[in-house]
Amino acid sequence: MRKVLTNLLRDESGATAIEYGLIAALISVVIIVAITAVGTQLSTTFNTISGKLQTANGN
């Protein structure tokens, strides 16, 4: 029984999996933030272009 507990405490494969999971989560958050920022900028650009086109057409 003592040998099983010692082996269990020395096993680090679970810790490695958790670390990879945290890294993947962090990368996902960074991607989501970047896409949101780009989406906001694109929306502003399209609204500006739309406003200028409406002004040019006399609407």
PDB file of N, CA and C in Angstrom:
ATOM      1  N   MET A   1       0.826  -1.192   0.000  1.00  0.00           N
ATOM      2  CA  MET A   1       0.000   0.000   0.000  1.00  0.00           C
ATOM      3  C   MET A   1       0.876   1.263   0.000  1.00  0.00           C
ATOM      4  N   ARG A   2       1.935   1.219   0.747  1.00  0.00           N
ATOM      5  CA  ARG A   2       2.830   2.372   0.832  1.00  0.00           C
ATOM      6  C   ARG A   2       3.490   2.645  -0.522  1.00  0.00           C
ATOM      7  N   LYS A   3       3.827   1.573  -1.229  1.00  0.00           N
ATOM      8  CA  LYS A   3       4.450   1.716  -2.538  1.00  0.00           C
ATOM      9  C   LYS A   3       3.473   2.358  -3.533  1.00  0.00           C
ATOM     10  N   VAL A   4       2.218   1.989  -3.457  1.00  0.00           N
ATOM     11  CA  VAL A   4       1.202   2.557  -4.345  1.00  0.00           C
ATOM     12  C   VAL A   4       1.053   4.055  -4.078  1.00  0.00           C
ATOM     13  N   LEU A   5       1.000   4.450  -2.821  1.00  0.00           N
ATOM     14  CA  LEU A   5       0.877   5.861  -2.472  1.00  0.00           C
ATOM     15  C   LEU A   5       2.110   6.657  -2.903  1.00  0.00           C
ATOM     16  N   THR A   6       3.289   6.056  -2.730  1.00  0.00           N
ATOM     17  CA  THR A   6       4.525   6.727  -3.146  1.00  0.00           C
ATOM     18  C   THR A   6       4.528   6.941  -4.653  1.00  0.00           C
ATOM     19  N   ASN A   7       4.146   5.915  -5.398  1.00  0.00           N
ATOM     20  CA  ASN A   7       4.085   6.033  -6.860  1.00  0.00           C
ATOM     21  C   ASN A   7       3.044   7.073  -7.287  1.00  0.00           C
ATOM     22  N   LEU A   8       1.937   7.118  -6.564  1.00  0.00           N
ATOM     23  CA  LEU A   8       0.884   8.069  -6.893  1.00  0.00           C
ATOM     24  C   LEU A   8       1.367   9.504  -6.678  1.00  0.00           C
ATOM     25  N   LEU A   9       2.105   9.741  -5.617  1.00  0.00           N
ATOM     26  CA  LEU A   9       2.612  11.071  -5.323  1.00  0.00           C
ATOM     27  C   LEU A   9       3.705  11.503  -6.306  1.00  0.00           C
ATOM     28  N   ARG A  10       4.440  10.557  -6.829  1.00  0.00           N
ATOM     29  CA  ARG A  10       5.513  10.875  -7.784  1.00  0.00           C
ATOM     30  C   ARG A  10       5.010  11.036  -9.211  1.00  0.00           C
ATOM     31  N   ASP A  11       3.806  10.548  -9.480  1.00  0.00           N
ATOM     32  CA  ASP A  11       3.255  10.617 -10.835  1.00  0.00           C
ATOM     33  C   ASP A  11       2.889  12.056 -11.164  1.00  0.00           C
ATOM     34  N   GLU A  12       3.528  12.621 -12.205  1.00  0.00           N
ATOM     35  CA  GLU A  12       3.290  14.004 -12.594  1.00  0.00           C
ATOM     36  C   GLU A  12       2.565  14.124 -13.930  1.00  0.00           C
ATOM     37  N   SER A  13       2.068  13.038 -14.474  1.00  0.00           N
ATOM     38  CA  SER A  13       1.407  13.103 -15.778  1.00  0.00           C
ATOM     39  C   SER A  13       0.114  13.906 -15.705  1.00  0.00           C
ATOM     40  N   GLY A  14      -0.594  13.837 -14.610  1.00  0.00           N
ATOM     41  CA  GLY A  14      -1.814  14.633 -14.450  1.00  0.00           C
ATOM     42  C   GLY A  14      -1.503  16.111 -14.384  1.00  0.00           C
ATOM     43  N   ALA A  15      -0.428  16.455 -13.693  1.00  0.00           N
ATOM     44  CA  ALA A  15      -0.036  17.863 -13.582  1.00  0.00           C
ATOM     45  C   ALA A  15       0.335  18.418 -14.949  1.00  0.00           C
ATOM     46  N   THR A  16       0.987  17.618 -15.761  1.00  0.00           N
ATOM     47  CA  THR A  16       1.367  18.056 -17.107  1.00  0.00           C
ATOM     48  C   THR A  16       0.119  18.301 -17.955  1.00  0.00           C
ATOM     49  N   ALA A  17      -0.857  17.418 -17.845  1.00  0.00           N
ATOM     50  CA  ALA A  17      -2.101  17.585 -18.601  1.00  0.00           C
ATOM     51  C   ALA A  17      -2.816  18.863 -18.173  1.00  0.00           C
ATOM     52  N   ILE A  18      -2.826  19.153 -16.892  1.00  0.00           N
ATOM     53  CA  ILE A  18      -3.459  20.375 -16.393  1.00  0.00           C
ATOM     54  C   ILE A  18      -2.726  21.602 -16.923  1.00  0.00           C
ATOM     55  N   GLU A  19      -1.407  21.549 -16.939  1.00  0.00           N
ATOM     56  CA  GLU A  19      -0.624  22.678 -17.460  1.00  0.00           C
ATOM     57  C   GLU A  19      -0.928  22.924 -18.928  1.00  0.00           C
ATOM     58  N   TYR A  20      -1.006  21.871 -19.721  1.00  0.00           N
ATOM     59  CA  TYR A  20      -1.343  22.026 -21.137  1.00  0.00           C
ATOM     60  C   TYR A  20      -2.756  22.585 -21.290  1.00  0.00           C
ATOM     61  N   GLY A  21      -3.664  22.150 -20.443  1.00  0.00           N
ATOM     62  CA  GLY A  21      -5.030  22.667 -20.480  1.00  0.00           C
ATOM     63  C   GLY A  21      -5.071  24.157 -20.167  1.00  0.00           C
ATOM     64  N   LEU A  22      -4.296  24.581 -19.187  1.00  0.00           N
ATOM     65  CA  LEU A  22      -4.246  26.007 -18.835  1.00  0.00           C
ATOM     66  C   LEU A  22      -3.632  26.839 -19.957  1.00  0.00           C
ATOM     67  N   ILE A  23      -2.603  26.314 -20.587  1.00  0.00           N
ATOM     68  CA  ILE A  23      -1.983  27.015 -21.716  1.00  0.00           C
ATOM     69  C   ILE A  23      -2.987  27.150 -22.866  1.00  0.00           C
ATOM     70  N   ALA A  24      -3.707  26.078 -23.160  1.00  0.00           N
ATOM     71  CA  ALA A  24      -4.709  26.122 -24.232  1.00  0.00           C
ATOM     72  C   ALA A  24      -5.811  27.122 -23.903  1.00  0.00           C
ATOM     73  N   ALA A  25      -6.230  27.174 -22.646  1.00  0.00           N
ATOM     74  CA  ALA A  25      -7.265  28.126 -22.237  1.00  0.00           C
ATOM     75  C   ALA A  25      -6.770  29.562 -22.385  1.00  0.00           C
ATOM     76  N   LEU A  26      -5.534  29.810 -21.998  1.00  0.00           N
ATOM     77  CA  LEU A  26      -4.960  31.151 -22.116  1.00  0.00           C
ATOM     78  C   LEU A  26      -4.858  31.577 -23.578  1.00  0.00           C
ATOM     79  N   ILE A  27      -4.420  30.677 -24.432  1.00  0.00           N
ATOM     80  CA  ILE A  27      -4.335  30.978 -25.866  1.00  0.00           C
ATOM     81  C   ILE A  27      -5.725  31.272 -26.424  1.00  0.00           C
ATOM     82  N   SER A  28      -6.726  30.515 -25.988  1.00  0.00           N
ATOM     83  CA  SER A  28      -8.100  30.745 -26.441  1.00  0.00           C
ATOM     84  C   SER A  28      -8.589  32.124 -26.042  1.00  0.00           C
ATOM     85  N   VAL A  29      -8.308  32.524 -24.818  1.00  0.00           N
ATOM     86  CA  VAL A  29      -8.727  33.847 -24.344  1.00  0.00           C
ATOM     87  C   VAL A  29      -8.062  34.943 -25.176  1.00  0.00           C
ATOM     88  N   VAL A  30      -6.776  34.788 -25.460  1.00  0.00           N
ATOM     89  CA  VAL A  30      -6.063  35.784 -26.262  1.00  0.00           C
ATOM     90  C   VAL A  30      -6.665  35.870 -27.659  1.00  0.00           C
ATOM     91  N   ILE A  31      -6.992  34.745 -28.255  1.00  0.00           N
ATOM     92  CA  ILE A  31      -7.591  34.735 -29.595  1.00  0.00           C
ATOM     93  C   ILE A  31      -8.954  35.423 -29.577  1.00  0.00           C
ATOM     94  N   ILE A  32      -9.767  35.125 -28.567  1.00  0.00           N
ATOM     95  CA  ILE A  32     -11.100  35.733 -28.468  1.00  0.00           C
ATOM     96  C   ILE A  32     -10.992  37.246 -28.320  1.00  0.00           C
ATOM     97  N   VAL A  33     -10.066  37.707 -27.484  1.00  0.00           N
ATOM     98  CA  VAL A  33      -9.883  39.148 -27.291  1.00  0.00           C
ATOM     99  C   VAL A  33      -9.422  39.802 -28.592  1.00  0.00           C
ATOM    100  N   ALA A  34      -8.504  39.165 -29.298  1.00  0.00           N
ATOM    101  CA  ALA A  34      -8.002  39.723 -30.559  1.00  0.00           C
ATOM    102  C   ALA A  34      -9.108  39.791 -31.607  1.00  0.00           C
ATOM    103  N   ILE A  35      -9.897  38.748 -31.717  1.00  0.00           N
ATOM    104  CA  ILE A  35     -10.987  38.728 -32.702  1.00  0.00           C
ATOM    105  C   ILE A  35     -12.028  39.780 -32.358  1.00  0.00           C
ATOM    106  N   THR A  36     -12.325  39.948 -31.086  1.00  0.00           N
ATOM    107  CA  THR A  36     -13.293  40.964 -30.662  1.00  0.00           C
ATOM    108  C   THR A  36     -12.791  42.363 -31.016  1.00  0.00           C
ATOM    109  N   ALA A  37     -11.517  42.614 -30.777  1.00  0.00           N
ATOM    110  CA  ALA A  37     -10.952  43.929 -31.091  1.00  0.00           C
ATOM    111  C   ALA A  37     -10.988  44.194 -32.591  1.00  0.00           C
ATOM    112  N   VAL A  38     -10.621  43.213 -33.384  1.00  0.00           N
ATOM    113  CA  VAL A  38     -10.634  43.376 -34.840  1.00  0.00           C
ATOM    114  C   VAL A  38     -12.073  43.561 -35.334  1.00  0.00           C
ATOM    115  N   GLY A  39     -13.000  42.803 -34.760  1.00  0.00           N
ATOM    116  CA  GLY A  39     -14.407  42.926 -35.149  1.00  0.00           C
ATOM    117  C   GLY A  39     -14.951  44.310 -34.869  1.00  0.00           C
ATOM    118  N   THR A  40     -14.582  44.878 -33.730  1.00  0.00           N
ATOM    119  CA  THR A  40     -15.026  46.226 -33.387  1.00  0.00           C
ATOM    120  C   THR A  40     -14.457  47.246 -34.365  1.00  0.00           C
ATOM    121  N   GLN A  41     -13.196  47.107 -34.698  1.00  0.00           N
ATOM    122  CA  GLN A  41     -12.575  48.029 -35.657  1.00  0.00           C
ATOM    123  C   GLN A  41     -13.217  47.901 -37.037  1.00  0.00           C
ATOM    124  N   LEU A  42     -13.511  46.675 -37.453  1.00  0.00           N
ATOM    125  CA  LEU A  42     -14.154  46.475 -38.750  1.00  0.00           C
ATOM    126  C   LEU A  42     -15.545  47.088 -38.765  1.00  0.00           C
ATOM    127  N   SER A  43     -16.275  46.932 -37.688  1.00  0.00           N
ATOM    128  CA  SER A  43     -17.613  47.505 -37.601  1.00  0.00           C
ATOM    129  C   SER A  43     -17.557  49.025 -37.717  1.00  0.00           C
ATOM    130  N   THR A  44     -16.612  49.631 -37.022  1.00  0.00           N
ATOM    131  CA  THR A  44     -16.448  51.080 -37.101  1.00  0.00           C
ATOM    132  C   THR A  44     -16.090  51.503 -38.520  1.00  0.00           C
ATOM    133  N   THR A  45     -15.210  50.790 -39.162  1.00  0.00           N
ATOM    134  CA  THR A  45     -14.802  51.112 -40.536  1.00  0.00           C
ATOM    135  C   THR A  45     -15.987  51.011 -41.491  1.00  0.00           C
ATOM    136  N   PHE A  46     -16.764  49.939 -41.392  1.00  0.00           N
ATOM    137  CA  PHE A  46     -17.921  49.770 -42.274  1.00  0.00           C
ATOM    138  C   PHE A  46     -18.971  50.847 -42.027  1.00  0.00           C
ATOM    139  N   ASN A  47     -19.179  51.225 -40.778  1.00  0.00           N
ATOM    140  CA  ASN A  47     -20.142  52.282 -40.473  1.00  0.00           C
ATOM    141  C   ASN A  47     -19.678  53.621 -41.042  1.00  0.00           C
ATOM    142  N   THR A  48     -18.386  53.894 -40.965  1.00  0.00           N
ATOM    143  CA  THR A  48     -17.838  55.132 -41.535  1.00  0.00           C
ATOM    144  C   THR A  48     -18.023  55.162 -43.050  1.00  0.00           C
ATOM    145  N   ILE A  49     -17.704  54.062 -43.703  1.00  0.00           N
ATOM    146  CA  ILE A  49     -17.852  53.977 -45.155  1.00  0.00           C
ATOM    147  C   ILE A  49     -19.330  54.110 -45.551  1.00  0.00           C
ATOM    148  N   SER A  50     -20.187  53.462 -44.810  1.00  0.00           N
ATOM    149  CA  SER A  50     -21.620  53.527 -45.100  1.00  0.00           C
ATOM    150  C   SER A  50     -22.130  54.966 -44.966  1.00  0.00           C
ATOM    151  N   GLY A  51     -21.699  55.656 -43.921  1.00  0.00           N
ATOM    152  CA  GLY A  51     -22.110  57.038 -43.733  1.00  0.00           C
ATOM    153  C   GLY A  51     -21.624  57.940 -44.863  1.00  0.00           C
ATOM    154  N   LYS A  52     -20.406  57.737 -45.304  1.00  0.00           N
ATOM    155  CA  LYS A  52     -19.867  58.543 -46.399  1.00  0.00           C
ATOM    156  C   LYS A  52     -20.568  58.242 -47.710  1.00  0.00           C
ATOM    157  N   LEU A  53     -20.930  56.982 -47.935  1.00  0.00           N
ATOM    158  CA  LEU A  53     -21.656  56.646 -49.153  1.00  0.00           C
ATOM    159  C   LEU A  53     -23.057  57.250 -49.148  1.00  0.00           C
ATOM    160  N   GLN A  54     -23.711  57.231 -47.991  1.00  0.00           N
ATOM    161  CA  GLN A  54     -25.049  57.811 -47.898  1.00  0.00           C
ATOM    162  C   GLN A  54     -24.987  59.323 -48.114  1.00  0.00           C
ATOM    163  N   THR A  55     -23.958  59.969 -47.579  1.00  0.00           N
ATOM    164  CA  THR A  55     -23.782  61.409 -47.760  1.00  0.00           C
ATOM    165  C   THR A  55     -23.517  61.720 -49.243  1.00  0.00           C
ATOM    166  N   ALA A  56     -22.719  60.901 -49.898  1.00  0.00           N
ATOM    167  CA  ALA A  56     -22.367  61.119 -51.304  1.00  0.00           C
ATOM    168  C   ALA A  56     -23.586  60.938 -52.209  1.00  0.00           C
ATOM    169  N   ASN A  57     -24.515  60.060 -51.812  1.00  0.00           N
ATOM    170  CA  ASN A  57     -25.717  59.807 -52.620  1.00  0.00           C
ATOM    171  C   ASN A  57     -26.828  60.797 -52.288  1.00  0.00           C
ATOM    172  N   GLY A  58     -26.645  61.661 -51.319  1.00  0.00           N
ATOM    173  CA  GLY A  58     -27.656  62.645 -50.985  1.00  0.00           C
ATOM    174  C   GLY A  58     -28.727  62.126 -50.043  1.00  0.00           C
ATOM    175  N   ASN A  59     -28.504  61.000 -49.405  1.00  0.00           N
ATOM    176  CA  ASN A  59     -29.506  60.431 -48.477  1.00  0.00           C
ATOM    177  C   ASN A  59     -29.336  60.948 -47.094  1.00  0.00           C
TER     178      ASN A  59
END
